[in-house]
């Protein structure tokens, strides 16, 4: 099983005209697409995370004829559900996913220009055919390809056994509570390791986990 990560861009217009409206608004930033699908009636539905003025984003979308309904939860960080009329680009993209034996590794990362960074999972032949079937209007850039790495979508699994043990013990003892209910020395005593070992592993745990939960668009 293989995975490939691509950046898909449609230029300033985005993948859908509504993308351009959101991308042009400086107070709103779409972060990731959690779910997208074409319904039986041919309309589309998308669930995405964003930050900024979510009410303003709702207003911009509601002004469009190709948007049927918008709802969101959150204030400056939240999730928005949009019922929309797909354009040809979106229909063709969704058709690629349905015609080939590939799976999307959700969520899909949204980029500032209205494009997306997407990872697909499948065998080499299916991924290659999906690339060939991409709409010609889109710019496609391959970022990486290799064996499927389940740890990519499971940050905890990316930790070593010792790091997992230290993290779970720290959680159980209340190290991450406010105020803290324990310290690194007590964690070390519980696990019969040195305090320096606990401190080093906690730093490495943070270095691995924090980038995995903060959208790349916010820190790159």
C-alpha atoms as a PDB file:
ATOM      1  CA  UNK A   1       0.000   0.000   0.000  1.00  0.00           C
ATOM      2  CA  UNK A   2       1.338   3.391  -1.043  1.00  0.00           C
ATOM      3  CA  UNK A   3       0.579   7.022  -0.308  1.00  0.00           C
ATOM      4  CA  UNK A   4       1.147  10.144  -2.362  1.00  0.00           C
ATOM      5  CA  UNK A   5       0.804  13.774  -1.320  1.00  0.00           C
ATOM      6  CA  UNK A   6      -0.101  16.387  -3.923  1.00  0.00           C
ATOM      7  CA  UNK A   7      -0.724  20.106  -4.014  1.00  0.00           C
ATOM      8  CA  UNK A   8      -3.688  20.853  -6.268  1.00  0.00           C
ATOM      9  CA  UNK A   9      -4.221  24.424  -7.434  1.00  0.00           C
ATOM     10  CA  UNK A  10      -6.621  26.113  -9.809  1.00  0.00           C
ATOM     11  CA  UNK A  11      -5.009  29.546  -9.693  1.00  0.00           C
ATOM     12  CA  UNK A  12      -6.703  32.622  -8.295  1.00  0.00           C
ATOM     13  CA  UNK A  13     -10.166  31.217  -8.888  1.00  0.00           C
ATOM     14  CA  UNK A  14      -9.643  28.329  -6.494  1.00  0.00           C
ATOM     15  CA  UNK A  15     -11.206  24.930  -6.990  1.00  0.00           C
ATOM     16  CA  UNK A  16     -14.662  26.488  -6.655  1.00  0.00           C
ATOM     17  CA  UNK A  17     -15.683  30.151  -7.131  1.00  0.00           C
ATOM     18  CA  UNK A  18     -16.640  30.365  -3.465  1.00  0.00           C
ATOM     19  CA  UNK A  19     -13.016  29.534  -2.604  1.00  0.00           C
ATOM     20  CA  UNK A  20     -11.881  32.755  -4.245  1.00  0.00           C
ATOM     21  CA  UNK A  21     -14.324  34.779  -2.136  1.00  0.00           C
ATOM     22  CA  UNK A  22     -12.982  33.301   1.083  1.00  0.00           C
ATOM     23  CA  UNK A  23      -9.320  33.399   0.001  1.00  0.00           C
ATOM     24  CA  UNK A  24      -9.649  37.109  -0.839  1.00  0.00           C
ATOM     25  CA  UNK A  25     -10.996  37.956   2.631  1.00  0.00           C
ATOM     26  CA  UNK A  26      -7.999  38.803   4.883  1.00  0.00           C
ATOM     27  CA  UNK A  27      -9.920  38.132   8.088  1.00  0.00           C
ATOM     28  CA  UNK A  28     -10.695  34.489   7.299  1.00  0.00           C
ATOM     29  CA  UNK A  29      -8.443  31.497   6.822  1.00  0.00           C
ATOM     30  CA  UNK A  30      -9.677  28.055   5.850  1.00  0.00           C
ATOM     31  CA  UNK A  31      -7.509  25.409   7.459  1.00  0.00           C
ATOM     32  CA  UNK A  32      -8.713  21.954   6.470  1.00  0.00           C
ATOM     33  CA  UNK A  33     -11.541  20.025   4.815  1.00  0.00           C
ATOM     34  CA  UNK A  34     -12.900  17.342   7.097  1.00  0.00           C
ATOM     35  CA  UNK A  35     -15.459  15.958   4.674  1.00  0.00           C
ATOM     36  CA  UNK A  36     -16.660  16.624   1.127  1.00  0.00           C
ATOM     37  CA  UNK A  37     -19.191  14.717  -0.943  1.00  0.00           C
ATOM     38  CA  UNK A  38     -21.599  14.942  -3.869  1.00  0.00           C
ATOM     39  CA  UNK A  39     -25.200  14.154  -2.871  1.00  0.00           C
ATOM     40  CA  UNK A  40     -27.723  12.129  -4.860  1.00  0.00           C
ATOM     41  CA  UNK A  41     -29.314  15.324  -6.213  1.00  0.00           C
ATOM     42  CA  UNK A  42     -25.965  16.470  -7.646  1.00  0.00           C
ATOM     43  CA  UNK A  43     -25.328  19.193  -5.069  1.00  0.00           C
ATOM     44  CA  UNK A  44     -22.306  19.125  -2.808  1.00  0.00           C
ATOM     45  CA  UNK A  45     -21.611  19.361   0.880  1.00  0.00           C
ATOM     46  CA  UNK A  46     -18.341  20.274   2.544  1.00  0.00           C
ATOM     47  CA  UNK A  47     -17.300  20.481   6.196  1.00  0.00           C
ATOM     48  CA  UNK A  48     -14.187  22.544   6.860  1.00  0.00           C
ATOM     49  CA  UNK A  49     -12.297  24.159   9.732  1.00  0.00           C
ATOM     50  CA  UNK A  50     -11.340  27.824   9.655  1.00  0.00           C
ATOM     51  CA  UNK A  51     -10.202  30.695  11.818  1.00  0.00           C
ATOM     52  CA  UNK A  52     -10.992  34.395  11.857  1.00  0.00           C
ATOM     53  CA  UNK A  53     -14.316  36.166  11.391  1.00  0.00           C
ATOM     54  CA  UNK A  54     -16.572  33.145  10.827  1.00  0.00           C
ATOM     55  CA  UNK A  55     -19.727  35.251  10.657  1.00  0.00           C
ATOM     56  CA  UNK A  56     -18.188  37.327   7.870  1.00  0.00           C
ATOM     57  CA  UNK A  57     -17.325  34.103   6.067  1.00  0.00           C
ATOM     58  CA  UNK A  58     -20.926  32.971   6.347  1.00  0.00           C
ATOM     59  CA  UNK A  59     -22.148  36.293   4.944  1.00  0.00           C
ATOM     60  CA  UNK A  60     -19.775  36.090   1.969  1.00  0.00           C
ATOM     61  CA  UNK A  61     -20.960  32.595   1.116  1.00  0.00           C
ATOM     62  CA  UNK A  62     -24.656  33.375   1.568  1.00  0.00           C
ATOM     63  CA  UNK A  63     -24.355  36.182  -0.984  1.00  0.00           C
ATOM     64  CA  UNK A  64     -23.495  33.659  -3.686  1.00  0.00           C
ATOM     65  CA  UNK A  65     -26.034  31.982  -5.984  1.00  0.00           C
ATOM     66  CA  UNK A  66     -24.060  28.715  -5.948  1.00  0.00           C
ATOM     67  CA  UNK A  67     -24.344  28.378  -2.151  1.00  0.00           C
ATOM     68  CA  UNK A  68     -27.578  26.933  -0.763  1.00  0.00           C
ATOM     69  CA  UNK A  69     -26.923  26.895   2.984  1.00  0.00           C
ATOM     70  CA  UNK A  70     -24.157  27.758   5.446  1.00  0.00           C
ATOM     71  CA  UNK A  71     -23.862  27.012   9.139  1.00  0.00           C
ATOM     72  CA  UNK A  72     -20.968  27.085  11.580  1.00  0.00           C
ATOM     73  CA  UNK A  73     -19.953  26.568  15.180  1.00  0.00           C
ATOM     74  CA  UNK A  74     -17.239  28.490  16.998  1.00  0.00           C
ATOM     75  CA  UNK A  75     -16.192  32.101  17.262  1.00  0.00           C
ATOM     76  CA  UNK A  76     -12.702  32.803  15.921  1.00  0.00           C
ATOM     77  CA  UNK A  77     -11.910  29.116  15.402  1.00  0.00           C
ATOM     78  CA  UNK A  78     -14.618  26.777  14.224  1.00  0.00           C
ATOM     79  CA  UNK A  79     -16.172  24.374  11.772  1.00  0.00           C
ATOM     80  CA  UNK A  80     -18.356  25.412   8.835  1.00  0.00           C
ATOM     81  CA  UNK A  81     -20.843  23.255   6.930  1.00  0.00           C
ATOM     82  CA  UNK A  82     -21.661  24.401   3.385  1.00  0.00           C
ATOM     83  CA  UNK A  83     -24.278  23.045   0.964  1.00  0.00           C
ATOM     84  CA  UNK A  84     -23.192  24.172  -2.503  1.00  0.00           C
ATOM     85  CA  UNK A  85     -23.585  23.738  -6.246  1.00  0.00           C
ATOM     86  CA  UNK A  86     -20.445  22.023  -7.572  1.00  0.00           C
ATOM     87  CA  UNK A  87     -18.716  23.432 -10.632  1.00  0.00           C
ATOM     88  CA  UNK A  88     -17.119  21.239 -13.303  1.00  0.00           C
ATOM     89  CA  UNK A  89     -13.749  21.222 -11.531  1.00  0.00           C
ATOM     90  CA  UNK A  90     -15.202  19.887  -8.288  1.00  0.00           C
ATOM     91  CA  UNK A  91     -17.342  17.321 -10.126  1.00  0.00           C
ATOM     92  CA  UNK A  92     -14.344  16.084 -12.098  1.00  0.00           C
ATOM     93  CA  UNK A  93     -12.184  15.876  -8.971  1.00  0.00           C
ATOM     94  CA  UNK A  94     -14.816  13.904  -7.099  1.00  0.00           C
ATOM     95  CA  UNK A  95     -15.246  11.615 -10.115  1.00  0.00           C
ATOM     96  CA  UNK A  96     -11.528  10.766  -9.985  1.00  0.00           C
ATOM     97  CA  UNK A  97     -11.903   9.605  -6.406  1.00  0.00           C
ATOM     98  CA  UNK A  98     -14.898   7.431  -7.278  1.00  0.00           C
ATOM     99  CA  UNK A  99     -13.404   5.862 -10.403  1.00  0.00           C
ATOM    100  CA  UNK A 100     -10.103   4.700  -8.918  1.00  0.00           C
ATOM    101  CA  UNK A 101      -9.292   2.371  -6.020  1.00  0.00           C
ATOM    102  CA  UNK A 102      -7.814   5.138  -3.891  1.00  0.00           C
ATOM    103  CA  UNK A 103      -8.746   6.558  -0.506  1.00  0.00           C
ATOM    104  CA  UNK A 104      -8.394  10.118   0.759  1.00  0.00           C
ATOM    105  CA  UNK A 105      -6.373  10.527   3.931  1.00  0.00           C
ATOM    106  CA  UNK A 106      -8.537  13.140   5.648  1.00  0.00           C
ATOM    107  CA  UNK A 107      -8.421  15.944   6.567  1.00  0.00           C
ATOM    108  CA  UNK A 108      -7.409  17.780   3.402  1.00  0.00           C
ATOM    109  CA  UNK A 109      -5.216  20.804   4.062  1.00  0.00           C
ATOM    110  CA  UNK A 110      -6.462  24.121   2.653  1.00  0.00           C
ATOM    111  CA  UNK A 111      -3.869  26.501   1.204  1.00  0.00           C
ATOM    112  CA  UNK A 112      -4.013  30.325   1.183  1.00  0.00           C
ATOM    113  CA  UNK A 113      -4.430  30.523  -2.618  1.00  0.00           C
ATOM    114  CA  UNK A 114      -7.572  28.368  -2.586  1.00  0.00           C
ATOM    115  CA  UNK A 115      -5.732  25.171  -3.467  1.00  0.00           C
ATOM    116  CA  UNK A 116      -5.392  22.085  -1.311  1.00  0.00           C
ATOM    117  CA  UNK A 117      -2.751  19.646  -0.127  1.00  0.00           C
ATOM    118  CA  UNK A 118      -4.165  16.129  -0.312  1.00  0.00           C
ATOM    119  CA  UNK A 119      -2.807  12.670   0.467  1.00  0.00           C
ATOM    120  CA  UNK A 120      -4.229   9.630  -1.315  1.00  0.00           C
ATOM    121  CA  UNK A 121      -3.720   5.966  -0.448  1.00  0.00           C
ATOM    122  CA  UNK A 122      -3.691   3.077  -2.906  1.00  0.00           C
ATOM    123  CA  UNK A 123      -1.350   1.067  -5.115  1.00  0.00           C
ATOM    124  CA  UNK A 124       1.013   2.606  -7.653  1.00  0.00           C
ATOM    125  CA  UNK A 125      -1.251   1.854 -10.614  1.00  0.00           C
ATOM    126  CA  UNK A 126      -4.355   3.399  -9.049  1.00  0.00           C
ATOM    127  CA  UNK A 127      -2.498   6.519  -7.907  1.00  0.00           C
ATOM    128  CA  UNK A 128      -0.870   6.930 -11.324  1.00  0.00           C
ATOM    129  CA  UNK A 129      -4.226   6.599 -13.088  1.00  0.00           C
ATOM    130  CA  UNK A 130      -5.821   9.107 -10.706  1.00  0.00           C
ATOM    131  CA  UNK A 131      -3.113  11.601 -11.634  1.00  0.00           C
ATOM    132  CA  UNK A 132      -3.766  11.011 -15.344  1.00  0.00           C
ATOM    133  CA  UNK A 133      -7.500  11.564 -14.791  1.00  0.00           C
ATOM    134  CA  UNK A 134      -7.068  14.937 -13.090  1.00  0.00           C
ATOM    135  CA  UNK A 135      -8.827  17.833 -14.828  1.00  0.00           C
ATOM    136  CA  UNK A 136      -6.471  19.641 -17.213  1.00  0.00           C
ATOM    137  CA  UNK A 137      -7.433  22.995 -15.702  1.00  0.00           C
ATOM    138  CA  UNK A 138      -5.696  22.094 -12.440  1.00  0.00           C
ATOM    139  CA  UNK A 139      -2.026  22.431 -11.580  1.00  0.00           C
ATOM    140  CA  UNK A 140      -0.815  19.265  -9.833  1.00  0.00           C
ATOM    141  CA  UNK A 141       2.462  19.085  -7.910  1.00  0.00           C
ATOM    142  CA  UNK A 142       3.722  15.847  -6.327  1.00  0.00           C
ATOM    143  CA  UNK A 143       5.286  16.530  -2.917  1.00  0.00           C
ATOM    144  CA  UNK A 144       6.017  12.981  -1.788  1.00  0.00           C
ATOM    145  CA  UNK A 145       5.292   9.346  -2.551  1.00  0.00           C
ATOM    146  CA  UNK A 146       6.184   6.196  -0.658  1.00  0.00           C
ATOM    147  CA  UNK A 147       4.876   3.343   1.484  1.00  0.00           C
ATOM    148  CA  UNK A 148       1.711   4.160   3.426  1.00  0.00           C
ATOM    149  CA  UNK A 149       2.560   5.507   6.881  1.00  0.00           C
ATOM    150  CA  UNK A 150      -0.367   5.080   9.300  1.00  0.00           C
ATOM    151  CA  UNK A 151       1.523   7.154  11.882  1.00  0.00           C
ATOM    152  CA  UNK A 152       0.878  10.211   9.699  1.00  0.00           C
ATOM    153  CA  UNK A 153      -2.749  10.299  10.808  1.00  0.00           C
ATOM    154  CA  UNK A 154      -2.087   8.875  14.280  1.00  0.00           C
ATOM    155  CA  UNK A 155       0.436  11.127  16.045  1.00  0.00           C
ATOM    156  CA  UNK A 156       0.467   8.959  19.184  1.00  0.00           C
ATOM    157  CA  UNK A 157       1.588   5.959  17.127  1.00  0.00           C
ATOM    158  CA  UNK A 158       4.574   7.977  15.883  1.00  0.00           C
ATOM    159  CA  UNK A 159       6.017   8.016  19.416  1.00  0.00           C
ATOM    160  CA  UNK A 160       8.434   5.356  20.603  1.00  0.00           C
ATOM    161  CA  UNK A 161       7.237   2.878  23.250  1.00  0.00           C
ATOM    162  CA  UNK A 162       9.232   4.746  25.918  1.00  0.00           C
ATOM    163  CA  UNK A 163       7.762   8.092  24.828  1.00  0.00           C
ATOM    164  CA  UNK A 164       4.248   6.652  24.935  1.00  0.00           C
ATOM    165  CA  UNK A 165       4.892   5.262  28.411  1.00  0.00           C
ATOM    166  CA  UNK A 166       6.191   8.588  29.704  1.00  0.00           C
ATOM    167  CA  UNK A 167       3.354  10.549  28.124  1.00  0.00           C
ATOM    168  CA  UNK A 168       0.661   8.251  29.550  1.00  0.00           C
ATOM    169  CA  UNK A 169       2.261   8.342  32.992  1.00  0.00           C
ATOM    170  CA  UNK A 170       2.482  12.131  32.858  1.00  0.00           C
ATOM    171  CA  UNK A 171      -1.211  12.300  31.969  1.00  0.00           C
ATOM    172  CA  UNK A 172      -2.196   9.857  34.712  1.00  0.00           C
ATOM    173  CA  UNK A 173      -0.238  11.791  37.347  1.00  0.00           C
ATOM    174  CA  UNK A 174      -1.634  15.159  36.258  1.00  0.00           C
ATOM    175  CA  UNK A 175       1.497  16.689  34.757  1.00  0.00           C
ATOM    176  CA  UNK A 176      -0.522  18.573  32.157  1.00  0.00           C
ATOM    177  CA  UNK A 177      -3.235  19.767  34.546  1.00  0.00           C
ATOM    178  CA  UNK A 178      -3.497  23.421  35.619  1.00  0.00           C
ATOM    179  CA  UNK A 179      -2.016  23.738  38.139  1.00  0.00           C
ATOM    180  CA  UNK A 180       0.287  20.753  37.705  1.00  0.00           C
ATOM    181  CA  UNK A 181      -0.335  17.883  40.087  1.00  0.00           C
ATOM    182  CA  UNK A 182       3.082  16.314  39.644  1.00  0.00           C
ATOM    183  CA  UNK A 183       6.554  17.052  38.327  1.00  0.00           C
ATOM    184  CA  UNK A 184       9.199  15.375  36.200  1.00  0.00           C
ATOM    185  CA  UNK A 185      10.944  13.917  39.253  1.00  0.00           C
ATOM    186  CA  UNK A 186       7.797  12.081  40.378  1.00  0.00           C
ATOM    187  CA  UNK A 187       7.241  10.767  36.842  1.00  0.00           C
ATOM    188  CA  UNK A 188      10.833   9.531  36.828  1.00  0.00           C
ATOM    189  CA  UNK A 189      10.370   7.793  40.213  1.00  0.00           C
ATOM    190  CA  UNK A 190       7.204   6.082  38.974  1.00  0.00           C
ATOM    191  CA  UNK A 191       8.972   4.715  35.909  1.00  0.00           C
ATOM    192  CA  UNK A 192      12.324   4.121  37.627  1.00  0.00           C
ATOM    193  CA  UNK A 193      14.228   6.321  35.184  1.00  0.00           C
ATOM    194  CA  UNK A 194      16.213   9.526  35.613  1.00  0.00           C
ATOM    195  CA  UNK A 195      14.606  12.952  35.706  1.00  0.00           C
ATOM    196  CA  UNK A 196      16.824  13.954  32.784  1.00  0.00           C
ATOM    197  CA  UNK A 197      15.401  11.061  30.740  1.00  0.00           C
ATOM    198  CA  UNK A 198      11.838  12.194  31.446  1.00  0.00           C
ATOM    199  CA  UNK A 199      12.639  15.807  30.548  1.00  0.00           C
ATOM    200  CA  UNK A 200      14.347  14.840  27.294  1.00  0.00           C
ATOM    201  CA  UNK A 201      11.508  12.560  26.236  1.00  0.00           C
ATOM    202  CA  UNK A 202       8.852  15.164  27.064  1.00  0.00           C
ATOM    203  CA  UNK A 203      10.663  17.670  24.849  1.00  0.00           C
ATOM    204  CA  UNK A 204      10.807  15.149  22.016  1.00  0.00           C
ATOM    205  CA  UNK A 205       7.124  14.290  22.517  1.00  0.00           C
ATOM    206  CA  UNK A 206       6.177  17.954  22.239  1.00  0.00           C
ATOM    207  CA  UNK A 207       8.350  18.353  19.134  1.00  0.00           C
ATOM    208  CA  UNK A 208       6.474  15.471  17.472  1.00  0.00           C
ATOM    209  CA  UNK A 209       2.918  16.100  18.625  1.00  0.00           C
ATOM    210  CA  UNK A 210       2.514  19.869  18.539  1.00  0.00           C
ATOM    211  CA  UNK A 211       3.170  20.272  14.766  1.00  0.00           C
ATOM    212  CA  UNK A 212       0.703  17.447  14.118  1.00  0.00           C
ATOM    213  CA  UNK A 213      -2.206  19.225  15.805  1.00  0.00           C
ATOM    214  CA  UNK A 214      -1.508  22.802  14.659  1.00  0.00           C
ATOM    215  CA  UNK A 215      -2.461  23.352  10.985  1.00  0.00           C
ATOM    216  CA  UNK A 216       0.654  23.829   8.876  1.00  0.00           C
ATOM    217  CA  UNK A 217      -0.752  27.011   7.332  1.00  0.00           C
ATOM    218  CA  UNK A 218      -0.515  28.752  10.718  1.00  0.00           C
ATOM    219  CA  UNK A 219       3.183  28.194  11.327  1.00  0.00           C
ATOM    220  CA  UNK A 220       4.971  27.591   8.032  1.00  0.00           C
END
